[in-house]
Amino acid sequence: MNIIHYNPWGDKLSAEYIDTLNKSMEGKAVCRVAGSFLELRKEMAQQHADIIDIHGCWHDSIPLTTLLARRHLTRIVVTPHGQLEPWVTRRHWLTSTLPRMLAYQRRTIRKAYSVIVMGEMEEKNLERLGWTKRIETIGCSLFTSSITDEEMARQTLAVFQKVMDSNVVELMKPNTTQALHSLYKACIIADAQWLKQEEREAVENLDDVSWREIEIYGHHTFTLVDIRHGADTLGITLPDCRPSEIACYLPYKYDKDAPRHRLASLSADEKGMHSPADVVDMIKALHQKTRKNTLGIADIIQFSSTLYRLRTDEDEVRYLLSEAQLTKFAARLMQLVSHFTLLPDGFLIVQPLGDNQERQIMNNILKKFEL
């Protein structure tokens, strides 16, 4: 893990706190320090940082810092050092605090992956502001003997890891994403011979960090069973990272009841055929989920599995889709199936369509865990 502590005010107490953390984290994380935006930009150019920990709240370089972090896929943590306490924010309220609050500070706190405070009073005051619920309280060994330097560093490092284990799909490298989609394909087809060589190699070349990302993503999207089935098909044993026990930050609107809202499975007649009307009803249900922005990757996997095993009159399905004015949506759905599960075109009931609306649906699926 690579951390940059950004202390733009050059505050001596903050600097001592950072120095204490860095010494206690030695060998466990790469920790660097920047005292100005120019230094920060130079450090970012030299080596990628996973997290920028902003110390203090009111420096005018903070908006540029968040933009820089977004450009580099670096995550923001804020350690206010008491600068959001009410007796601090009341100073120069009209001339300084309020303009900065409206311009960037409230948004910075809301978008930060975590805010680290140093006591219960600071935590309660931050909660009263209502800007974020992602607050972590870690005592400061400089102020109290109830915590050691090592314990303070351990708890801080745990928060940083929690940040890195959140919204993992955003951090996945292209090979990890390809491996994830290959695992979904292997699960659906249940035959390793159907996977291309590059698809198998993508899975075989995963390191422990990438497996951790995939398993966390699978756990929170309710597709971990599919991922494990795909790995079994390829004869691969997943590392036991226990994703259900890994702490991470989830969006406030995260739907823990999503499995209850799964699509109804298609039933076949005595000849093993599926009704075209039932197929169209499933597509209608997916359309409704899309309109409500509740369509998830688990729905795509389930629909892809249905397509792979589908035995129906496809001409009748296409006619019914046309009658229901769902042909274009179905085509966009086929594009999503092709993208996420690598299912061959021969199993798709209409020609895939990749347009702006399809890309918007895909972005909505990928951004489900954006904070």
Protein backbone atom coordinates (compact mmCIF):
# COMPACT_ATOMS: atom_id res chain seq x y z
CA MET A 1 0.00 0.00 0.00
CA ASN A 2 1.31 3.43 -0.96
CA ILE A 3 0.22 6.45 1.10
CA ILE A 4 0.92 10.16 0.73
CA HIS A 5 0.26 12.31 3.78
CA TYR A 6 -0.60 15.80 2.57
CA ASN A 7 0.02 18.54 5.14
CA PRO A 8 -0.38 21.79 3.15
CA TRP A 9 -0.44 24.05 6.22
CA GLY A 10 2.91 22.72 7.44
CA ASP A 11 1.36 22.41 10.89
CA LYS A 12 4.02 21.18 13.34
CA LEU A 13 1.65 19.05 15.43
CA SER A 14 0.23 17.42 12.31
CA ALA A 15 3.77 16.84 11.07
CA GLU A 16 4.70 15.13 14.34
CA TYR A 17 1.58 12.97 14.11
CA ILE A 18 2.44 11.99 10.52
CA ASP A 19 6.03 11.23 11.47
CA THR A 20 4.86 9.01 14.34
CA LEU A 21 2.52 7.12 12.02
CA ASN A 22 5.15 6.66 9.33
CA LYS A 23 7.74 5.29 11.74
CA SER A 24 5.25 2.80 13.17
CA MET A 25 4.08 1.74 9.69
CA GLU A 26 7.59 1.10 8.41
CA GLY A 27 7.72 -2.18 6.52
CA LYS A 28 3.92 -2.39 6.32
CA ALA A 29 3.21 0.46 3.89
CA VAL A 30 5.08 2.96 1.76
CA CYS A 31 4.46 6.34 3.39
CA ARG A 32 5.44 9.66 1.85
CA VAL A 33 4.85 13.27 2.86
CA ALA A 34 4.00 16.34 0.77
CA GLY A 35 3.87 19.85 2.21
CA SER A 36 2.58 21.71 -0.85
CA PHE A 37 0.52 20.97 -3.92
CA LEU A 38 3.62 21.14 -6.11
CA GLU A 39 5.31 18.55 -3.91
CA LEU A 40 2.19 16.40 -4.00
CA ARG A 41 2.01 16.54 -7.78
CA LYS A 42 5.70 15.64 -8.01
CA GLU A 43 5.26 12.67 -5.68
CA MET A 44 2.25 11.46 -7.69
CA ALA A 45 4.24 11.72 -10.93
CA GLN A 46 7.13 9.73 -9.49
CA GLN A 47 5.10 6.86 -8.05
CA HIS A 48 1.42 5.97 -7.93
CA ALA A 49 -0.26 6.50 -4.57
CA ASP A 50 -3.18 4.37 -3.42
CA ILE A 51 -4.36 6.95 -0.87
CA ILE A 52 -3.83 10.64 -0.19
CA ASP A 53 -4.49 11.43 3.48
CA ILE A 54 -5.33 15.16 3.66
CA HIS A 55 -4.42 16.65 7.03
CA GLY A 56 -6.55 19.67 7.87
CA CYS A 57 -9.57 20.99 6.04
CA TRP A 58 -9.40 24.56 4.92
CA HIS A 59 -6.44 24.89 2.58
CA ASP A 60 -7.34 26.25 -0.85
CA SER A 61 -5.35 23.53 -2.62
CA ILE A 62 -7.82 20.86 -1.53
CA PRO A 63 -10.04 21.11 -4.66
CA LEU A 64 -6.96 20.64 -6.87
CA THR A 65 -5.89 17.73 -4.67
CA THR A 66 -9.20 15.92 -5.15
CA LEU A 67 -9.03 16.48 -8.91
CA LEU A 68 -5.48 15.12 -8.99
CA ALA A 69 -6.54 12.10 -6.96
CA ARG A 70 -9.49 11.39 -9.27
CA ARG A 71 -7.23 11.58 -12.33
CA HIS A 72 -4.85 9.00 -10.85
CA LEU A 73 -7.54 6.72 -9.33
CA THR A 74 -6.16 7.59 -5.91
CA ARG A 75 -8.48 7.59 -2.92
CA ILE A 76 -8.95 10.43 -0.49
CA VAL A 77 -8.93 10.14 3.29
CA VAL A 78 -9.30 13.25 5.45
CA THR A 79 -7.84 13.71 8.94
CA PRO A 80 -9.32 17.05 10.10
CA HIS A 81 -7.21 17.44 13.28
CA GLY A 82 -10.18 19.18 14.93
CA GLN A 83 -10.67 21.74 12.15
CA LEU A 84 -14.34 20.85 11.73
CA GLU A 85 -15.17 21.43 15.39
CA PRO A 86 -17.92 24.07 15.85
CA TRP A 87 -15.70 26.50 17.75
CA VAL A 88 -13.29 26.41 14.79
CA THR A 89 -15.84 26.73 12.00
CA ARG A 90 -17.53 29.69 13.74
CA ARG A 91 -14.40 31.79 13.29
CA HIS A 92 -14.57 34.15 10.30
CA TRP A 93 -17.82 32.41 9.35
CA LEU A 94 -18.98 34.80 6.63
CA THR A 95 -15.61 35.83 5.21
CA SER A 96 -13.79 32.49 5.18
CA THR A 97 -15.51 29.38 6.54
CA LEU A 98 -18.87 29.54 4.74
CA PRO A 99 -17.41 30.33 1.28
CA ARG A 100 -14.91 27.48 1.56
CA MET A 101 -17.56 25.15 2.92
CA LEU A 102 -19.84 25.85 -0.04
CA ALA A 103 -17.03 25.84 -2.58
CA TYR A 104 -15.31 22.58 -1.72
CA GLN A 105 -15.11 21.46 1.90
CA ARG A 106 -18.51 19.82 2.29
CA ARG A 107 -18.10 17.99 -1.03
CA THR A 108 -14.57 16.88 -0.09
CA ILE A 109 -15.80 15.32 3.15
CA ARG A 110 -18.77 13.69 1.42
CA LYS A 111 -16.62 12.17 -1.32
CA ALA A 112 -13.74 11.12 0.95
CA TYR A 113 -13.61 7.38 1.47
CA SER A 114 -13.06 7.92 5.18
CA VAL A 115 -12.63 10.69 7.76
CA ILE A 116 -10.33 9.88 10.68
CA VAL A 117 -11.08 11.73 13.92
CA MET A 118 -9.23 11.47 17.21
CA GLY A 119 -11.94 11.41 19.86
CA GLU A 120 -15.61 10.86 20.60
CA MET A 121 -16.41 14.58 20.81
CA GLU A 122 -14.91 15.23 17.38
CA GLU A 123 -16.83 12.24 16.03
CA LYS A 124 -20.17 13.48 17.43
CA ASN A 125 -19.61 17.00 16.10
CA LEU A 126 -18.82 15.64 12.65
CA GLU A 127 -21.91 13.44 12.76
CA ARG A 128 -24.01 16.53 13.54
CA LEU A 129 -22.78 18.15 10.35
CA GLY A 130 -24.36 15.26 8.45
CA TRP A 131 -21.75 15.29 5.67
CA THR A 132 -20.65 11.68 5.96
CA LYS A 133 -21.21 8.48 7.91
CA ARG A 134 -17.79 7.09 7.04
CA ILE A 135 -16.13 8.28 10.26
CA GLU A 136 -13.40 6.34 12.04
CA THR A 137 -12.26 7.26 15.56
CA ILE A 138 -8.63 6.51 16.38
CA GLY A 139 -6.99 7.94 19.48
CA CYS A 140 -3.80 9.95 19.05
CA SER A 141 -0.79 8.68 21.00
CA LEU A 142 0.58 12.24 21.14
CA PHE A 143 -2.34 13.31 23.35
CA THR A 144 -3.23 10.22 25.38
CA SER A 145 -1.46 7.29 26.98
CA SER A 146 -4.46 5.04 26.33
CA ILE A 147 -3.06 4.13 22.92
CA THR A 148 0.47 3.38 21.77
CA ASP A 149 2.16 4.58 18.61
CA GLU A 150 2.03 1.05 17.23
CA GLU A 151 -1.68 0.58 17.97
CA MET A 152 -2.51 3.97 16.46
CA ALA A 153 -0.62 2.97 13.31
CA ARG A 154 -2.27 -0.46 13.22
CA GLN A 155 -5.77 1.02 13.43
CA THR A 156 -4.95 3.66 10.81
CA LEU A 157 -3.54 1.05 8.48
CA ALA A 158 -6.74 -0.98 8.96
CA VAL A 159 -8.77 2.05 7.85
CA PHE A 160 -6.54 2.44 4.79
CA GLN A 161 -7.07 -1.23 3.94
CA LYS A 162 -10.81 -0.79 4.39
CA VAL A 163 -10.65 2.08 1.90
CA MET A 164 -8.76 -0.09 -0.61
CA ASP A 165 -11.29 -2.92 -0.18
CA SER A 166 -14.18 -0.61 -1.11
CA ASN A 167 -15.54 -0.23 -4.67
CA VAL A 168 -12.88 -2.69 -5.83
CA VAL A 169 -14.21 -2.85 -9.40
CA GLU A 170 -12.86 0.67 -9.92
CA LEU A 171 -9.34 -0.52 -9.03
CA MET A 172 -9.32 -3.70 -11.11
CA LYS A 173 -6.61 -3.90 -13.74
CA PRO A 174 -7.67 -4.92 -17.28
CA ASN A 175 -6.37 -8.47 -16.75
CA THR A 176 -8.38 -8.77 -13.51
CA THR A 177 -11.54 -7.60 -15.27
CA GLN A 178 -10.97 -10.07 -18.11
CA ALA A 179 -10.41 -12.85 -15.57
CA LEU A 180 -13.66 -11.96 -13.78
CA HIS A 181 -15.63 -12.11 -17.02
CA SER A 182 -13.89 -15.37 -17.96
CA LEU A 183 -14.93 -16.88 -14.63
CA TYR A 184 -18.54 -15.88 -15.29
CA LYS A 185 -18.30 -17.50 -18.74
CA ALA A 186 -16.81 -20.68 -17.30
CA CYS A 187 -19.62 -20.84 -14.75
CA ILE A 188 -22.33 -20.49 -17.39
CA ILE A 189 -20.85 -22.87 -19.97
CA ALA A 190 -19.38 -25.31 -17.42
CA ASP A 191 -16.79 -26.52 -19.89
CA ALA A 192 -13.20 -25.21 -19.87
CA GLN A 193 -12.75 -26.15 -23.52
CA TRP A 194 -15.12 -23.34 -24.56
CA LEU A 195 -12.80 -20.71 -23.10
CA LYS A 196 -10.17 -19.12 -25.32
CA GLN A 197 -6.54 -19.44 -24.33
CA GLU A 198 -6.27 -15.77 -23.33
CA GLU A 199 -9.38 -16.11 -21.17
CA ARG A 200 -7.93 -19.09 -19.28
CA GLU A 201 -4.55 -17.38 -18.94
CA ALA A 202 -6.18 -14.26 -17.49
CA VAL A 203 -7.53 -16.38 -14.63
CA GLU A 204 -4.36 -18.44 -14.21
CA ASN A 205 -2.19 -15.29 -13.94
CA LEU A 206 -4.16 -13.65 -11.14
CA ASP A 207 -2.15 -12.67 -8.06
CA ASP A 208 -3.49 -12.65 -4.50
CA VAL A 209 -4.47 -8.96 -4.63
CA SER A 210 -6.51 -9.52 -7.80
CA TRP A 211 -8.21 -12.60 -6.35
CA ARG A 212 -9.07 -10.57 -3.26
CA GLU A 213 -10.70 -7.88 -5.44
CA ILE A 214 -12.66 -10.48 -7.41
CA GLU A 215 -13.91 -12.28 -4.31
CA ILE A 216 -14.93 -9.03 -2.58
CA TYR A 217 -16.76 -7.93 -5.71
CA GLY A 218 -18.44 -11.31 -6.03
CA HIS A 219 -19.55 -11.24 -2.39
CA HIS A 220 -21.18 -7.82 -2.62
CA THR A 221 -22.78 -8.45 -6.04
CA PHE A 222 -24.11 -11.86 -4.94
CA THR A 223 -22.13 -13.58 -7.72
CA LEU A 224 -19.44 -15.25 -5.58
CA VAL A 225 -21.08 -18.65 -6.09
CA ASP A 226 -20.87 -18.11 -9.86
CA ILE A 227 -17.20 -17.13 -9.57
CA ARG A 228 -16.42 -20.24 -7.53
CA HIS A 229 -18.27 -22.46 -10.01
CA GLY A 230 -16.27 -20.87 -12.81
CA ALA A 231 -13.01 -21.51 -10.96
CA ASP A 232 -14.05 -25.14 -10.36
CA THR A 233 -14.71 -25.54 -14.09
CA LEU A 234 -11.16 -24.35 -14.77
CA GLY A 235 -9.70 -26.56 -12.05
CA ILE A 236 -8.56 -23.59 -9.97
CA THR A 237 -8.80 -23.27 -6.20
CA LEU A 238 -9.61 -19.78 -4.96
CA PRO A 239 -7.48 -18.29 -2.18
CA ASP A 240 -9.45 -18.35 1.06
CA CYS A 241 -9.71 -14.60 1.69
CA ARG A 242 -13.13 -14.85 3.42
CA PRO A 243 -14.70 -11.82 1.70
CA SER A 244 -17.70 -11.82 4.05
CA GLU A 245 -15.31 -10.91 6.89
CA ILE A 246 -13.48 -8.13 5.02
CA ALA A 247 -14.47 -4.64 6.14
CA CYS A 248 -15.29 -2.11 3.43
CA TYR A 249 -17.41 0.97 2.83
CA LEU A 250 -20.65 0.45 0.92
CA PRO A 251 -22.93 3.06 -0.69
CA TYR A 252 -25.75 4.25 1.53
CA LYS A 253 -28.25 2.85 -1.01
CA TYR A 254 -26.62 -0.58 -1.18
CA ASP A 255 -29.40 -3.17 -1.47
CA LYS A 256 -28.66 -6.05 0.89
CA ASP A 257 -31.97 -7.64 -0.14
CA ALA A 258 -31.06 -7.86 -3.84
CA PRO A 259 -31.09 -11.71 -3.84
CA ARG A 260 -34.78 -11.59 -2.95
CA HIS A 261 -35.44 -9.61 -6.13
CA ARG A 262 -33.90 -12.14 -8.53
CA LEU A 263 -35.64 -12.93 -11.79
CA ALA A 264 -38.03 -15.86 -11.96
CA SER A 265 -36.44 -18.84 -13.70
CA LEU A 266 -37.90 -20.06 -16.99
CA SER A 267 -39.70 -23.39 -16.91
CA ALA A 268 -39.70 -25.77 -19.87
CA ASP A 269 -42.56 -27.87 -21.24
CA GLU A 270 -42.53 -31.64 -21.55
CA LYS A 271 -40.42 -31.35 -24.71
CA GLY A 272 -37.84 -29.17 -22.96
CA MET A 273 -38.94 -26.04 -24.85
CA HIS A 274 -39.29 -22.57 -23.32
CA SER A 275 -42.24 -20.34 -24.09
CA PRO A 276 -41.35 -17.26 -26.20
CA ALA A 277 -43.79 -15.24 -24.08
CA ASP A 278 -41.91 -16.24 -20.91
CA VAL A 279 -38.62 -15.18 -22.49
CA VAL A 280 -40.07 -11.79 -23.36
CA ASP A 281 -41.51 -11.46 -19.85
CA MET A 282 -38.00 -11.97 -18.46
CA ILE A 283 -36.69 -9.24 -20.75
CA LYS A 284 -39.54 -6.99 -19.62
CA ALA A 285 -38.55 -7.59 -16.01
CA LEU A 286 -34.97 -6.63 -16.85
CA HIS A 287 -36.27 -3.51 -18.58
CA GLN A 288 -38.17 -2.53 -15.45
CA LYS A 289 -35.04 -3.03 -13.35
CA THR A 290 -33.08 -0.87 -15.78
CA ARG A 291 -35.64 1.94 -15.54
CA LYS A 292 -35.44 1.80 -11.73
CA ASN A 293 -31.62 1.58 -11.87
CA THR A 294 -31.66 -1.69 -9.92
CA LEU A 295 -30.21 -3.85 -12.70
CA GLY A 296 -27.08 -5.56 -11.37
CA ILE A 297 -24.39 -7.91 -12.55
CA ALA A 298 -26.19 -10.84 -10.88
CA ASP A 299 -29.17 -10.21 -13.18
CA ILE A 300 -26.89 -10.24 -16.23
CA ILE A 301 -25.31 -13.53 -15.11
CA GLN A 302 -28.71 -15.12 -14.53
CA PHE A 303 -30.02 -13.95 -17.91
CA SER A 304 -26.83 -15.12 -19.66
CA SER A 305 -27.24 -18.56 -18.10
CA THR A 306 -30.84 -18.61 -19.34
CA LEU A 307 -29.72 -17.71 -22.89
CA TYR A 308 -27.12 -20.47 -22.88
CA ARG A 309 -29.72 -23.12 -22.00
CA LEU A 310 -32.57 -21.56 -23.99
CA ARG A 311 -34.65 -23.74 -26.31
CA THR A 312 -37.39 -21.68 -27.90
CA ASP A 313 -38.79 -20.29 -31.13
CA GLU A 314 -36.42 -17.32 -31.53
CA ASP A 315 -38.38 -15.87 -34.46
CA GLU A 316 -41.45 -15.72 -32.25
CA VAL A 317 -39.39 -14.11 -29.47
CA ARG A 318 -38.14 -11.43 -31.87
CA TYR A 319 -41.71 -10.81 -33.09
CA LEU A 320 -43.01 -10.43 -29.53
CA LEU A 321 -40.13 -8.10 -28.68
CA SER A 322 -41.02 -5.95 -31.67
CA GLU A 323 -44.67 -5.87 -30.61
CA ALA A 324 -43.62 -4.79 -27.09
CA GLN A 325 -41.20 -2.20 -28.53
CA LEU A 326 -38.34 -3.86 -26.70
CA THR A 327 -36.15 -4.87 -29.65
CA LYS A 328 -33.57 -2.17 -29.06
CA PHE A 329 -33.48 -2.81 -25.31
CA ALA A 330 -33.01 -6.52 -25.95
CA ALA A 331 -30.16 -5.70 -28.34
CA ARG A 332 -28.51 -3.55 -25.64
CA LEU A 333 -29.02 -6.41 -23.19
CA MET A 334 -27.22 -8.77 -25.58
CA GLN A 335 -24.30 -6.34 -25.69
CA LEU A 336 -24.13 -6.39 -21.88
CA VAL A 337 -24.26 -10.19 -21.88
CA SER A 338 -21.46 -10.32 -24.44
CA HIS A 339 -19.35 -7.86 -22.43
CA PHE A 340 -19.76 -9.28 -18.94
CA THR A 341 -19.92 -13.02 -19.67
CA LEU A 342 -18.12 -13.30 -23.05
CA LEU A 343 -21.01 -15.49 -24.24
CA PRO A 344 -20.58 -16.34 -27.97
CA ASP A 345 -22.91 -14.57 -30.42
CA GLY A 346 -24.58 -17.86 -31.35
CA PHE A 347 -26.44 -17.84 -28.03
CA LEU A 348 -27.80 -14.29 -28.42
CA ILE A 349 -31.38 -13.95 -29.65
CA VAL A 350 -30.89 -10.55 -31.34
CA GLN A 351 -27.89 -8.71 -32.73
CA PRO A 352 -26.04 -6.84 -29.92
CA LEU A 353 -26.29 -3.05 -29.93
CA GLY A 354 -23.62 -0.88 -28.34
CA ASP A 355 -24.87 2.70 -28.21
CA ASN A 356 -24.93 5.55 -25.70
CA GLN A 357 -27.89 4.09 -23.82
CA GLU A 358 -26.17 0.70 -23.53
CA ARG A 359 -23.03 2.39 -22.23
CA GLN A 360 -25.12 4.29 -19.70
CA ILE A 361 -26.66 1.04 -18.44
CA MET A 362 -23.18 -0.49 -18.19
CA ASN A 363 -21.87 2.52 -16.27
CA ASN A 364 -24.79 2.27 -13.86
CA ILE A 365 -23.92 -1.38 -13.20
CA LEU A 366 -20.21 -0.63 -12.72
CA LYS A 367 -20.87 2.36 -10.45
CA LYS A 368 -23.17 0.53 -8.03
CA PHE A 369 -20.44 0.70 -5.38
CA GLU A 370 -19.29 4.25 -6.01
CA LEU A 371 -19.36 6.22 -2.75
